[in-house]
Amino acid sequence: MSAIATLTTVVIDCADPAALAAFYERVSGWPVTYRDEEAVHLSEGPVSLGFQRIEGYRGPGWPDAAKHCHLDFTVDDVDRAVKELLAAGATKPEFQPGGGDWTVLADPEGHLFCVSAG
């Protein structure tokens, strides 16, 4: 099947794009490729991760059936990565599904992401 479109960017709504991009820059190692007062993008490859300012933004709850999406990251050492991510500003919700196959974390604005062994 031929593609109808090409994915270029996943954009995450937030209150502070610069701060949230700095967090994910540390998580991913991807450099900033675009920045203005309302948005910041990171990229290393064909897809960018963007952060756009939304006035009055409030992060999702967890667990909450209304959550919209989350990011998955693989790491060499889950315990070490979780400690580093917590030190960088992530939080670890009490509810942890998955039976230990992955760890659910939330970024500084409450967006969920998971880390698992790669």
PDB file of N, CA and C in Angstrom:
ATOM      1  N   MET A   1       0.843  -1.173   0.000  1.00  0.00           N
ATOM      2  CA  MET A   1       0.000   0.000   0.000  1.00  0.00           C
ATOM      3  C   MET A   1       0.888   1.235   0.000  1.00  0.00           C
ATOM      4  N   SER A   2       0.550   2.211  -0.784  1.00  0.00           N
ATOM      5  CA  SER A   2       1.340   3.437  -0.811  1.00  0.00           C
ATOM      6  C   SER A   2       0.821   4.410   0.239  1.00  0.00           C
ATOM      7  N   ALA A   3       1.721   5.217   0.743  1.00  0.00           N
ATOM      8  CA  ALA A   3       1.385   6.173   1.791  1.00  0.00           C
ATOM      9  C   ALA A   3       0.586   7.339   1.237  1.00  0.00           C
ATOM     10  N   ILE A   4      -0.328   7.812   2.026  1.00  0.00           N
ATOM     11  CA  ILE A   4      -1.086   9.007   1.682  1.00  0.00           C
ATOM     12  C   ILE A   4      -0.355  10.249   2.172  1.00  0.00           C
ATOM     13  N   ALA A   5       0.342  10.122   3.305  1.00  0.00           N
ATOM     14  CA  ALA A   5       1.028  11.264   3.905  1.00  0.00           C
ATOM     15  C   ALA A   5       2.270  10.779   4.633  1.00  0.00           C
ATOM     16  N   THR A   6       3.159  11.717   4.955  1.00  0.00           N
ATOM     17  CA  THR A   6       4.385  11.419   5.697  1.00  0.00           C
ATOM     18  C   THR A   6       4.332  12.137   7.038  1.00  0.00           C
ATOM     19  N   LEU A   7       4.507  11.384   8.132  1.00  0.00           N
ATOM     20  CA  LEU A   7       4.540  11.985   9.459  1.00  0.00           C
ATOM     21  C   LEU A   7       5.829  12.777   9.612  1.00  0.00           C
ATOM     22  N   THR A   8       5.711  14.042  10.001  1.00  0.00           N
ATOM     23  CA  THR A   8       6.887  14.887  10.177  1.00  0.00           C
ATOM     24  C   THR A   8       7.112  15.297  11.620  1.00  0.00           C
ATOM     25  N   THR A   9       6.012  15.513  12.378  1.00  0.00           N
ATOM     26  CA  THR A   9       6.145  16.042  13.726  1.00  0.00           C
ATOM     27  C   THR A   9       5.017  15.534  14.611  1.00  0.00           C
ATOM     28  N   VAL A  10       5.356  15.190  15.852  1.00  0.00           N
ATOM     29  CA  VAL A  10       4.376  14.933  16.894  1.00  0.00           C
ATOM     30  C   VAL A  10       4.430  16.160  17.795  1.00  0.00           C
ATOM     31  N   VAL A  11       3.301  16.873  17.923  1.00  0.00           N
ATOM     32  CA  VAL A  11       3.263  18.122  18.687  1.00  0.00           C
ATOM     33  C   VAL A  11       2.526  17.883  20.002  1.00  0.00           C
ATOM     34  N   ILE A  12       3.147  18.308  21.094  1.00  0.00           N
ATOM     35  CA  ILE A  12       2.590  18.152  22.431  1.00  0.00           C
ATOM     36  C   ILE A  12       2.192  19.524  22.962  1.00  0.00           C
ATOM     37  N   ASP A  13       0.927  19.664  23.333  1.00  0.00           N
ATOM     38  CA  ASP A  13       0.454  20.910  23.933  1.00  0.00           C
ATOM     39  C   ASP A  13       1.042  21.057  25.331  1.00  0.00           C
ATOM     40  N   CYS A  14       1.351  22.296  25.728  1.00  0.00           N
ATOM     41  CA  CYS A  14       1.957  22.517  27.046  1.00  0.00           C
ATOM     42  C   CYS A  14       1.836  23.985  27.447  1.00  0.00           C
ATOM     43  N   ALA A  15       2.208  24.279  28.669  1.00  0.00           N
ATOM     44  CA  ALA A  15       2.208  25.649  29.173  1.00  0.00           C
ATOM     45  C   ALA A  15       3.516  26.372  28.883  1.00  0.00           C
ATOM     46  N   ASP A  16       4.638  25.631  28.900  1.00  0.00           N
ATOM     47  CA  ASP A  16       5.952  26.240  28.749  1.00  0.00           C
ATOM     48  C   ASP A  16       6.785  25.425  27.760  1.00  0.00           C
ATOM     49  N   PRO A  17       6.709  25.738  26.459  1.00  0.00           N
ATOM     50  CA  PRO A  17       7.413  24.937  25.459  1.00  0.00           C
ATOM     51  C   PRO A  17       8.930  24.865  25.666  1.00  0.00           C
ATOM     52  N   ALA A  18       9.550  25.954  26.071  1.00  0.00           N
ATOM     53  CA  ALA A  18      11.009  25.945  26.235  1.00  0.00           C
ATOM     54  C   ALA A  18      11.426  24.994  27.354  1.00  0.00           C
ATOM     55  N   ALA A  19      10.729  25.053  28.481  1.00  0.00           N
ATOM     56  CA  ALA A  19      11.079  24.184  29.608  1.00  0.00           C
ATOM     57  C   ALA A  19      10.806  22.724  29.287  1.00  0.00           C
ATOM     58  N   LEU A  20       9.673  22.440  28.647  1.00  0.00           N
ATOM     59  CA  LEU A  20       9.358  21.056  28.341  1.00  0.00           C
ATOM     60  C   LEU A  20      10.297  20.507  27.266  1.00  0.00           C
ATOM     61  N   ALA A  21      10.651  21.330  26.294  1.00  0.00           N
ATOM     62  CA  ALA A  21      11.620  20.897  25.282  1.00  0.00           C
ATOM     63  C   ALA A  21      12.974  20.613  25.915  1.00  0.00           C
ATOM     64  N   ALA A  22      13.387  21.430  26.879  1.00  0.00           N
ATOM     65  CA  ALA A  22      14.666  21.186  27.562  1.00  0.00           C
ATOM     66  C   ALA A  22      14.642  19.843  28.283  1.00  0.00           C
ATOM     67  N   PHE A  23      13.500  19.498  28.898  1.00  0.00           N
ATOM     68  CA  PHE A  23      13.371  18.196  29.558  1.00  0.00           C
ATOM     69  C   PHE A  23      13.533  17.077  28.531  1.00  0.00           C
ATOM     70  N   TYR A  24      12.813  17.152  27.418  1.00  0.00           N
ATOM     71  CA  TYR A  24      12.889  16.088  26.420  1.00  0.00           C
ATOM     72  C   TYR A  24      14.199  16.099  25.640  1.00  0.00           C
ATOM     73  N   GLU A  25      14.850  17.232  25.565  1.00  0.00           N
ATOM     74  CA  GLU A  25      16.190  17.278  24.970  1.00  0.00           C
ATOM     75  C   GLU A  25      17.144  16.436  25.814  1.00  0.00           C
ATOM     76  N   ARG A  26      16.990  16.544  27.127  1.00  0.00           N
ATOM     77  CA  ARG A  26      17.817  15.727  28.023  1.00  0.00           C
ATOM     78  C   ARG A  26      17.440  14.249  27.923  1.00  0.00           C
ATOM     79  N   VAL A  27      16.138  13.946  27.834  1.00  0.00           N
ATOM     80  CA  VAL A  27      15.676  12.563  27.736  1.00  0.00           C
ATOM     81  C   VAL A  27      16.178  11.922  26.443  1.00  0.00           C
ATOM     82  N   SER A  28      15.981  12.598  25.321  1.00  0.00           N
ATOM     83  CA  SER A  28      16.238  11.990  24.009  1.00  0.00           C
ATOM     84  C   SER A  28      17.631  12.250  23.450  1.00  0.00           C
ATOM     85  N   GLY A  29      18.254  13.338  23.881  1.00  0.00           N
ATOM     86  CA  GLY A  29      19.525  13.729  23.286  1.00  0.00           C
ATOM     87  C   GLY A  29      19.355  14.448  21.951  1.00  0.00           C
ATOM     88  N   TRP A  30      18.104  14.664  21.521  1.00  0.00           N
ATOM     89  CA  TRP A  30      17.849  15.346  20.254  1.00  0.00           C
ATOM     90  C   TRP A  30      18.077  16.847  20.409  1.00  0.00           C
ATOM     91  N   PRO A  31      18.675  17.484  19.409  1.00  0.00           N
ATOM     92  CA  PRO A  31      18.904  18.926  19.484  1.00  0.00           C
ATOM     93  C   PRO A  31      17.653  19.726  19.112  1.00  0.00           C
ATOM     94  N   VAL A  32      17.618  20.975  19.573  1.00  0.00           N
ATOM     95  CA  VAL A  32      16.565  21.905  19.184  1.00  0.00           C
ATOM     96  C   VAL A  32      16.774  22.265  17.717  1.00  0.00           C
ATOM     97  N   THR A  33      15.708  22.143  16.925  1.00  0.00           N
ATOM     98  CA  THR A  33      15.780  22.481  15.499  1.00  0.00           C
ATOM     99  C   THR A  33      14.917  23.686  15.149  1.00  0.00           C
ATOM    100  N   TYR A  34      14.067  24.105  16.057  1.00  0.00           N
ATOM    101  CA  TYR A  34      13.222  25.286  15.844  1.00  0.00           C
ATOM    102  C   TYR A  34      12.833  25.835  17.197  1.00  0.00           C
ATOM    103  N   ARG A  35      12.792  27.176  17.293  1.00  0.00           N
ATOM    104  CA  ARG A  35      12.394  27.807  18.553  1.00  0.00           C
ATOM    105  C   ARG A  35      11.806  29.183  18.281  1.00  0.00           C
ATOM    106  N   ASP A  36      10.647  29.429  18.877  1.00  0.00           N
ATOM    107  CA  ASP A  36      10.115  30.786  18.975  1.00  0.00           C
ATOM    108  C   ASP A  36       9.390  30.880  20.315  1.00  0.00           C
ATOM    109  N   GLU A  37       8.688  31.958  20.570  1.00  0.00           N
ATOM    110  CA  GLU A  37       8.034  32.141  21.877  1.00  0.00           C
ATOM    111  C   GLU A  37       6.907  31.143  22.125  1.00  0.00           C
ATOM    112  N   GLU A  38       6.324  30.603  21.066  1.00  0.00           N
ATOM    113  CA  GLU A  38       5.153  29.743  21.190  1.00  0.00           C
ATOM    114  C   GLU A  38       5.433  28.268  20.969  1.00  0.00           C
ATOM    115  N   ALA A  39       6.593  27.923  20.422  1.00  0.00           N
ATOM    116  CA  ALA A  39       6.871  26.517  20.109  1.00  0.00           C
ATOM    117  C   ALA A  39       8.368  26.241  20.071  1.00  0.00           C
ATOM    118  N   VAL A  40       8.708  24.996  20.383  1.00  0.00           N
ATOM    119  CA  VAL A  40      10.085  24.513  20.265  1.00  0.00           C
ATOM    120  C   VAL A  40       9.999  23.108  19.675  1.00  0.00           C
ATOM    121  N   HIS A  41      10.898  22.800  18.744  1.00  0.00           N
ATOM    122  CA  HIS A  41      10.950  21.465  18.148  1.00  0.00           C
ATOM    123  C   HIS A  41      12.321  20.850  18.376  1.00  0.00           C
ATOM    124  N   LEU A  42      12.319  19.535  18.588  1.00  0.00           N
ATOM    125  CA  LEU A  42      13.538  18.732  18.677  1.00  0.00           C
ATOM    126  C   LEU A  42      13.493  17.723  17.542  1.00  0.00           C
ATOM    127  N   SER A  43      14.667  17.376  17.013  1.00  0.00           N
ATOM    128  CA  SER A  43      14.659  16.362  15.965  1.00  0.00           C
ATOM    129  C   SER A  43      16.035  15.743  15.813  1.00  0.00           C
ATOM    130  N   GLU A  44      15.998  14.479  15.440  1.00  0.00           N
ATOM    131  CA  GLU A  44      17.203  13.782  15.006  1.00  0.00           C
ATOM    132  C   GLU A  44      16.719  12.663  14.100  1.00  0.00           C
ATOM    133  N   GLY A  45      16.451  13.025  12.885  1.00  0.00           N
ATOM    134  CA  GLY A  45      15.900  12.066  11.951  1.00  0.00           C
ATOM    135  C   GLY A  45      14.688  12.621  11.255  1.00  0.00           C
ATOM    136  N   PRO A  46      13.887  11.750  10.709  1.00  0.00           N
ATOM    137  CA  PRO A  46      12.781  12.219   9.879  1.00  0.00           C
ATOM    138  C   PRO A  46      11.570  12.758  10.646  1.00  0.00           C
ATOM    139  N   VAL A  47      11.465  12.498  11.945  1.00  0.00           N
ATOM    140  CA  VAL A  47      10.311  12.949  12.716  1.00  0.00           C
ATOM    141  C   VAL A  47      10.775  13.873  13.842  1.00  0.00           C
ATOM    142  N   SER A  48      10.060  14.986  14.013  1.00  0.00           N
ATOM    143  CA  SER A  48      10.354  15.941  15.074  1.00  0.00           C
ATOM    144  C   SER A  48       9.371  15.757  16.230  1.00  0.00           C
ATOM    145  N   LEU A  49       9.807  16.191  17.395  1.00  0.00           N
ATOM    146  CA  LEU A  49       8.953  16.259  18.569  1.00  0.00           C
ATOM    147  C   LEU A  49       8.793  17.742  18.878  1.00  0.00           C
ATOM    148  N   GLY A  50       7.553  18.222  18.799  1.00  0.00           N
ATOM    149  CA  GLY A  50       7.299  19.647  18.991  1.00  0.00           C
ATOM    150  C   GLY A  50       6.513  19.909  20.265  1.00  0.00           C
ATOM    151  N   PHE A  51       6.681  21.095  20.815  1.00  0.00           N
ATOM    152  CA  PHE A  51       5.989  21.520  22.035  1.00  0.00           C
ATOM    153  C   PHE A  51       5.397  22.884  21.744  1.00  0.00           C
ATOM    154  N   GLN A  52       4.065  23.018  21.877  1.00  0.00           N
ATOM    155  CA  GLN A  52       3.421  24.299  21.583  1.00  0.00           C
ATOM    156  C   GLN A  52       2.653  24.813  22.782  1.00  0.00           C
ATOM    157  N   ARG A  53       2.758  26.127  22.997  1.00  0.00           N
ATOM    158  CA  ARG A  53       2.118  26.786  24.129  1.00  0.00           C
ATOM    159  C   ARG A  53       0.607  26.822  23.930  1.00  0.00           C
ATOM    160  N   ILE A  54      -0.115  26.408  24.958  1.00  0.00           N
ATOM    161  CA  ILE A  54      -1.570  26.501  25.005  1.00  0.00           C
ATOM    162  C   ILE A  54      -1.908  27.240  26.296  1.00  0.00           C
ATOM    163  N   GLU A  55      -2.512  28.403  26.181  1.00  0.00           N
ATOM    164  CA  GLU A  55      -2.872  29.169  27.369  1.00  0.00           C
ATOM    165  C   GLU A  55      -3.833  28.359  28.237  1.00  0.00           C
ATOM    166  N   GLY A  56      -3.578  28.326  29.533  1.00  0.00           N
ATOM    167  CA  GLY A  56      -4.430  27.597  30.468  1.00  0.00           C
ATOM    168  C   GLY A  56      -4.254  26.094  30.410  1.00  0.00           C
ATOM    169  N   TYR A  57      -3.176  25.622  29.787  1.00  0.00           N
ATOM    170  CA  TYR A  57      -2.967  24.177  29.654  1.00  0.00           C
ATOM    171  C   TYR A  57      -2.911  23.501  31.025  1.00  0.00           C
ATOM    172  N   ARG A  58      -3.550  22.362  31.139  1.00  0.00           N
ATOM    173  CA  ARG A  58      -3.467  21.511  32.329  1.00  0.00           C
ATOM    174  C   ARG A  58      -3.143  20.106  31.864  1.00  0.00           C
ATOM    175  N   GLY A  59      -2.176  19.489  32.481  1.00  0.00           N
ATOM    176  CA  GLY A  59      -1.760  18.144  32.105  1.00  0.00           C
ATOM    177  C   GLY A  59      -2.825  17.103  32.403  1.00  0.00           C
ATOM    178  N   PRO A  60      -2.718  15.948  31.755  1.00  0.00           N
ATOM    179  CA  PRO A  60      -3.680  14.867  31.975  1.00  0.00           C
ATOM    180  C   PRO A  60      -3.491  14.224  33.345  1.00  0.00           C
ATOM    181  N   GLY A  61      -4.531  13.607  33.846  1.00  0.00           N
ATOM    182  CA  GLY A  61      -4.431  12.850  35.088  1.00  0.00           C
ATOM    183  C   GLY A  61      -4.010  11.419  34.789  1.00  0.00           C
ATOM    184  N   TRP A  62      -3.645  10.694  35.817  1.00  0.00           N
ATOM    185  CA  TRP A  62      -3.250   9.289  35.648  1.00  0.00           C
ATOM    186  C   TRP A  62      -3.557   8.541  36.914  1.00  0.00           C
ATOM    187  N   PRO A  63      -4.188   7.406  36.896  1.00  0.00           N
ATOM    188  CA  PRO A  63      -4.812   6.843  35.687  1.00  0.00           C
ATOM    189  C   PRO A  63      -6.086   7.607  35.362  1.00  0.00           C
ATOM    190  N   ASP A  64      -6.345   7.761  34.090  1.00  0.00           N
ATOM    191  CA  ASP A  64      -7.511   8.499  33.631  1.00  0.00           C
ATOM    192  C   ASP A  64      -7.871   8.006  32.239  1.00  0.00           C
ATOM    193  N   ALA A  65      -9.088   7.597  32.067  1.00  0.00           N
ATOM    194  CA  ALA A  65      -9.525   7.090  30.768  1.00  0.00           C
ATOM    195  C   ALA A  65      -9.467   8.166  29.688  1.00  0.00           C
ATOM    196  N   ALA A  66      -9.328   9.431  30.081  1.00  0.00           N
ATOM    197  CA  ALA A  66      -9.299  10.519  29.115  1.00  0.00           C
ATOM    198  C   ALA A  66      -7.889  10.831  28.606  1.00  0.00           C
ATOM    199  N   LYS A  67      -6.883  10.068  29.029  1.00  0.00           N
ATOM    200  CA  LYS A  67      -5.530  10.369  28.533  1.00  0.00           C
ATOM    201  C   LYS A  67      -5.513  10.224  27.026  1.00  0.00           C
ATOM    202  N   HIS A  68      -4.703  11.001  26.366  1.00  0.00           N
ATOM    203  CA  HIS A  68      -4.752  11.054  24.912  1.00  0.00           C
ATOM    204  C   HIS A  68      -3.688  10.201  24.245  1.00  0.00           C
ATOM    205  N   CYS A  69      -2.476  10.312  24.647  1.00  0.00           N
ATOM    206  CA  CYS A  69      -1.380   9.529  24.065  1.00  0.00           C
ATOM    207  C   CYS A  69      -0.196   9.584  25.023  1.00  0.00           C
ATOM    208  N   HIS A  70       0.811   8.780  24.744  1.00  0.00           N
ATOM    209  CA  HIS A  70       2.043   8.851  25.528  1.00  0.00           C
ATOM    210  C   HIS A  70       3.206   8.444  24.638  1.00  0.00           C
ATOM    211  N   LEU A  71       4.412   8.738  25.076  1.00  0.00           N
ATOM    212  CA  LEU A  71       5.624   8.373  24.355  1.00  0.00           C
ATOM    213  C   LEU A  71       6.250   7.166  25.028  1.00  0.00           C
ATOM    214  N   ASP A  72       6.910   6.323  24.251  1.00  0.00           N
ATOM    215  CA  ASP A  72       7.662   5.175  24.766  1.00  0.00           C
ATOM    216  C   ASP A  72       9.133   5.362  24.430  1.00  0.00           C
ATOM    217  N   PHE A  73       9.995   5.114  25.414  1.00  0.00           N
ATOM    218  CA  PHE A  73      11.437   5.187  25.224  1.00  0.00           C
ATOM    219  C   PHE A  73      12.057   3.876  25.682  1.00  0.00           C
ATOM    220  N   THR A  74      13.080   3.410  24.981  1.00  0.00           N
ATOM    221  CA  THR A  74      13.853   2.270  25.456  1.00  0.00           C
ATOM    222  C   THR A  74      15.149   2.797  26.050  1.00  0.00           C
ATOM    223  N   VAL A  75      15.634   2.090  27.066  1.00  0.00           N
ATOM    224  CA  VAL A  75      16.851   2.479  27.774  1.00  0.00           C
ATOM    225  C   VAL A  75      17.692   1.236  28.045  1.00  0.00           C
ATOM    226  N   ASP A  76      18.977   1.436  28.294  1.00  0.00           N
ATOM    227  CA  ASP A  76      19.859   0.309  28.606  1.00  0.00           C
ATOM    228  C   ASP A  76      19.616  -0.223  30.004  1.00  0.00           C
ATOM    229  N   ASP A  77      19.377   0.666  30.954  1.00  0.00           N
ATOM    230  CA  ASP A  77      19.205   0.289  32.358  1.00  0.00           C
ATOM    231  C   ASP A  77      18.002   1.060  32.903  1.00  0.00           C
ATOM    232  N   VAL A  78      16.885   0.364  33.081  1.00  0.00           N
ATOM    233  CA  VAL A  78      15.644   1.023  33.481  1.00  0.00           C
ATOM    234  C   VAL A  78      15.796   1.722  34.832  1.00  0.00           C
ATOM    235  N   ASP A  79      16.340   1.052  35.828  1.00  0.00           N
ATOM    236  CA  ASP A  79      16.461   1.659  37.155  1.00  0.00           C
ATOM    237  C   ASP A  79      17.303   2.934  37.117  1.00  0.00           C
ATOM    238  N   ARG A  80      18.429   2.890  36.425  1.00  0.00           N
ATOM    239  CA  ARG A  80      19.294   4.077  36.318  1.00  0.00           C
ATOM    240  C   ARG A  80      18.572   5.196  35.571  1.00  0.00           C
ATOM    241  N   ALA A  81      17.907   4.843  34.462  1.00  0.00           N
ATOM    242  CA  ALA A  81      17.197   5.852  33.674  1.00  0.00           C
ATOM    243  C   ALA A  81      16.083   6.495  34.487  1.00  0.00           C
ATOM    244  N   VAL A  82      15.325   5.706  35.232  1.00  0.00           N
ATOM    245  CA  VAL A  82      14.245   6.259  36.052  1.00  0.00           C
ATOM    246  C   VAL A  82      14.822   7.238  37.068  1.00  0.00           C
ATOM    247  N   LYS A  83      15.913   6.886  37.725  1.00  0.00           N
ATOM    248  CA  LYS A  83      16.542   7.796  38.697  1.00  0.00           C
ATOM    249  C   LYS A  83      16.965   9.103  38.031  1.00  0.00           C
ATOM    250  N   GLU A  84      17.571   9.013  36.843  1.00  0.00           N
ATOM    251  CA  GLU A  84      18.019  10.212  36.137  1.00  0.00           C
ATOM    252  C   GLU A  84      16.844  11.060  35.676  1.00  0.00           C
ATOM    253  N   LEU A  85      15.786  10.404  35.211  1.00  0.00           N
ATOM    254  CA  LEU A  85      14.608  11.136  34.761  1.00  0.00           C
ATOM    255  C   LEU A  85      13.902  11.833  35.923  1.00  0.00           C
ATOM    256  N   LEU A  86      13.824  11.167  37.061  1.00  0.00           N
ATOM    257  CA  LEU A  86      13.243  11.797  38.251  1.00  0.00           C
ATOM    258  C   LEU A  86      14.068  13.011  38.664  1.00  0.00           C
ATOM    259  N   ALA A  87      15.379  12.899  38.598  1.00  0.00           N
ATOM    260  CA  ALA A  87      16.251  14.026  38.936  1.00  0.00           C
ATOM    261  C   ALA A  87      16.094  15.171  37.938  1.00  0.00           C
ATOM    262  N   ALA A  88      15.703  14.851  36.699  1.00  0.00           N
ATOM    263  CA  ALA A  88      15.528  15.872  35.661  1.00  0.00           C
ATOM    264  C   ALA A  88      14.163  16.551  35.733  1.00  0.00           C
ATOM    265  N   GLY A  89      13.279  16.058  36.605  1.00  0.00           N
ATOM    266  CA  GLY A  89      11.980  16.694  36.760  1.00  0.00           C
ATOM    267  C   GLY A  89      10.777  15.822  36.491  1.00  0.00           C
ATOM    268  N   ALA A  90      10.989  14.571  36.083  1.00  0.00           N
ATOM    269  CA  ALA A  90       9.865  13.651  35.884  1.00  0.00           C
ATOM    270  C   ALA A  90       9.307  13.240  37.242  1.00  0.00           C
ATOM    271  N   THR A  91       8.094  12.713  37.226  1.00  0.00           N
ATOM    272  CA  THR A  91       7.502  12.113  38.417  1.00  0.00           C
ATOM    273  C   THR A  91       7.082  10.693  38.072  1.00  0.00           C
ATOM    274  N   LYS A  92       6.969   9.864  39.110  1.00  0.00           N
ATOM    275  CA  LYS A  92       6.572   8.473  38.915  1.00  0.00           C
ATOM    276  C   LYS A  92       5.226   8.254  39.598  1.00  0.00           C
ATOM    277  N   PRO A  93       4.174   8.092  38.785  1.00  0.00           N
ATOM    278  CA  PRO A  93       2.855   7.854  39.383  1.00  0.00           C
ATOM    279  C   PRO A  93       2.830   6.549  40.174  1.00  0.00           C
ATOM    280  N   GLU A  94       1.980   6.501  41.165  1.00  0.00           N
ATOM    281  CA  GLU A  94       1.845   5.292  41.970  1.00  0.00           C
ATOM    282  C   GLU A  94       1.317   4.128  41.133  1.00  0.00           C
ATOM    283  N   PHE A  95       0.342   4.386  40.263  1.00  0.00           N
ATOM    284  CA  PHE A  95      -0.241   3.338  39.430  1.00  0.00           C
ATOM    285  C   PHE A  95       0.732   2.954  38.325  1.00  0.00           C
ATOM    286  N   GLN A  96       1.193   1.711  38.337  1.00  0.00           N
ATOM    287  CA  GLN A  96       2.171   1.201  37.384  1.00  0.00           C
ATOM    288  C   GLN A  96       1.658  -0.103  36.757  1.00  0.00           C
ATOM    289  N   PRO A  97       0.934  -0.024  35.641  1.00  0.00           N
ATOM    290  CA  PRO A  97       0.474  -1.240  34.979  1.00  0.00           C
ATOM    291  C   PRO A  97       1.631  -1.907  34.238  1.00  0.00           C
ATOM    292  N   GLY A  98       1.398  -3.071  33.708  1.00  0.00           N
ATOM    293  CA  GLY A  98       2.413  -3.696  32.863  1.00  0.00           C
ATOM    294  C   GLY A  98       3.232  -4.764  33.537  1.00  0.00           C
ATOM    295  N   GLY A  99       3.015  -5.008  34.807  1.00  0.00           N
ATOM    296  CA  GLY A  99       3.730  -6.079  35.479  1.00  0.00           C
ATOM    297  C   GLY A  99       5.237  -5.945  35.466  1.00  0.00           C
ATOM    298  N   GLY A 100       5.750  -4.743  35.443  1.00  0.00           N
ATOM    299  CA  GLY A 100       7.196  -4.538  35.479  1.00  0.00           C
ATOM    300  C   GLY A 100       7.867  -4.547  34.119  1.00  0.00           C
ATOM    301  N   ASP A 101       7.102  -4.711  33.031  1.00  0.00           N
ATOM    302  CA  ASP A 101       7.696  -4.686  31.693  1.00  0.00           C
ATOM    303  C   ASP A 101       8.094  -3.276  31.278  1.00  0.00           C
ATOM    304  N   TRP A 102       7.477  -2.268  31.875  1.00  0.00           N
ATOM    305  CA  TRP A 102       7.809  -0.877  31.618  1.00  0.00           C
ATOM    306  C   TRP A 102       7.489  -0.053  32.866  1.00  0.00           C
ATOM    307  N   THR A 103       8.052   1.144  32.905  1.00  0.00           N
ATOM    308  CA  THR A 103       7.792   2.077  34.002  1.00  0.00           C
ATOM    309  C   THR A 103       7.115   3.307  33.434  1.00  0.00           C
ATOM    310  N   VAL A 104       5.990   3.684  34.008  1.00  0.00           N
ATOM    311  CA  VAL A 104       5.263   4.882  33.597  1.00  0.00           C
ATOM    312  C   VAL A 104       5.808   6.063  34.388  1.00  0.00           C
ATOM    313  N   LEU A 105       6.140   7.138  33.674  1.00  0.00           N
ATOM    314  CA  LEU A 105       6.580   8.387  34.284  1.00  0.00           C
ATOM    315  C   LEU A 105       5.747   9.517  33.691  1.00  0.00           C
ATOM    316  N   ALA A 106       5.810  10.669  34.315  1.00  0.00           N
ATOM    317  CA  ALA A 106       5.166  11.870  33.787  1.00  0.00           C
ATOM    318  C   ALA A 106       6.211  12.963  33.681  1.00  0.00           C
ATOM    319  N   ASP A 107       6.170  13.714  32.587  1.00  0.00           N
ATOM    320  CA  ASP A 107       7.116  14.818  32.430  1.00  0.00           C
ATOM    321  C   ASP A 107       6.710  15.971  33.353  1.00  0.00           C
ATOM    322  N   PRO A 108       7.479  17.051  33.394  1.00  0.00           N
ATOM    323  CA  PRO A 108       7.169  18.138  34.325  1.00  0.00           C
ATOM    324  C   PRO A 108       5.792  18.785  34.155  1.00  0.00           C
ATOM    325  N   GLU A 109       5.127  18.578  33.016  1.00  0.00           N
ATOM    326  CA  GLU A 109       3.787  19.126  32.819  1.00  0.00           C
ATOM    327  C   GLU A 109       2.705  18.054  32.887  1.00  0.00           C
ATOM    328  N   GLY A 110       3.089  16.821  33.231  1.00  0.00           N
ATOM    329  CA  GLY A 110       2.110  15.764  33.434  1.00  0.00           C
ATOM    330  C   GLY A 110       1.856  14.837  32.268  1.00  0.00           C
ATOM    331  N   HIS A 111       2.529  15.046  31.129  1.00  0.00           N
ATOM    332  CA  HIS A 111       2.375  14.132  30.000  1.00  0.00           C
ATOM    333  C   HIS A 111       3.037  12.804  30.350  1.00  0.00           C
ATOM    334  N   LEU A 112       2.346  11.727  30.066  1.00  0.00           N
ATOM    335  CA  LEU A 112       2.893  10.409  30.393  1.00  0.00           C
ATOM    336  C   LEU A 112       3.886   9.934  29.354  1.00  0.00           C
ATOM    337  N   PHE A 113       4.869   9.181  29.815  1.00  0.00           N
ATOM    338  CA  PHE A 113       5.775   8.468  28.928  1.00  0.00           C
ATOM    339  C   PHE A 113       6.245   7.226  29.654  1.00  0.00           C
ATOM    340  N   CYS A 114       6.680   6.238  28.900  1.00  0.00           N
ATOM    341  CA  CYS A 114       7.114   4.967  29.475  1.00  0.00           C
ATOM    342  C   CYS A 114       8.559   4.699  29.098  1.00  0.00           C
ATOM    343  N   VAL A 115       9.261   4.043  29.994  1.00  0.00           N
ATOM    344  CA  VAL A 115      10.601   3.561  29.693  1.00  0.00           C
ATOM    345  C   VAL A 115      10.620   2.052  29.905  1.00  0.00           C
ATOM    346  N   SER A 116      11.315   1.388  29.000  1.00  0.00           N
ATOM    347  CA  SER A 116      11.470  -0.062  29.104  1.00  0.00           C
ATOM    348  C   SER A 116      12.861  -0.433  28.601  1.00  0.00           C
ATOM    349  N   ALA A 117      13.284  -1.626  28.938  1.00  0.00           N
ATOM    350  CA  ALA A 117      14.601  -2.105  28.506  1.00  0.00           C
ATOM    351  C   ALA A 117      14.615  -2.237  26.991  1.00  0.00           C
ATOM    352  N   GLY A 118      15.706  -1.751  26.392  1.00  0.00           N
ATOM    353  CA  GLY A 118      15.813  -1.797  24.919  1.00  0.00           C
ATOM    354  C   GLY A 118      16.643  -2.946  24.455  1.00  0.00           C
TER     355      GLY A 118
END
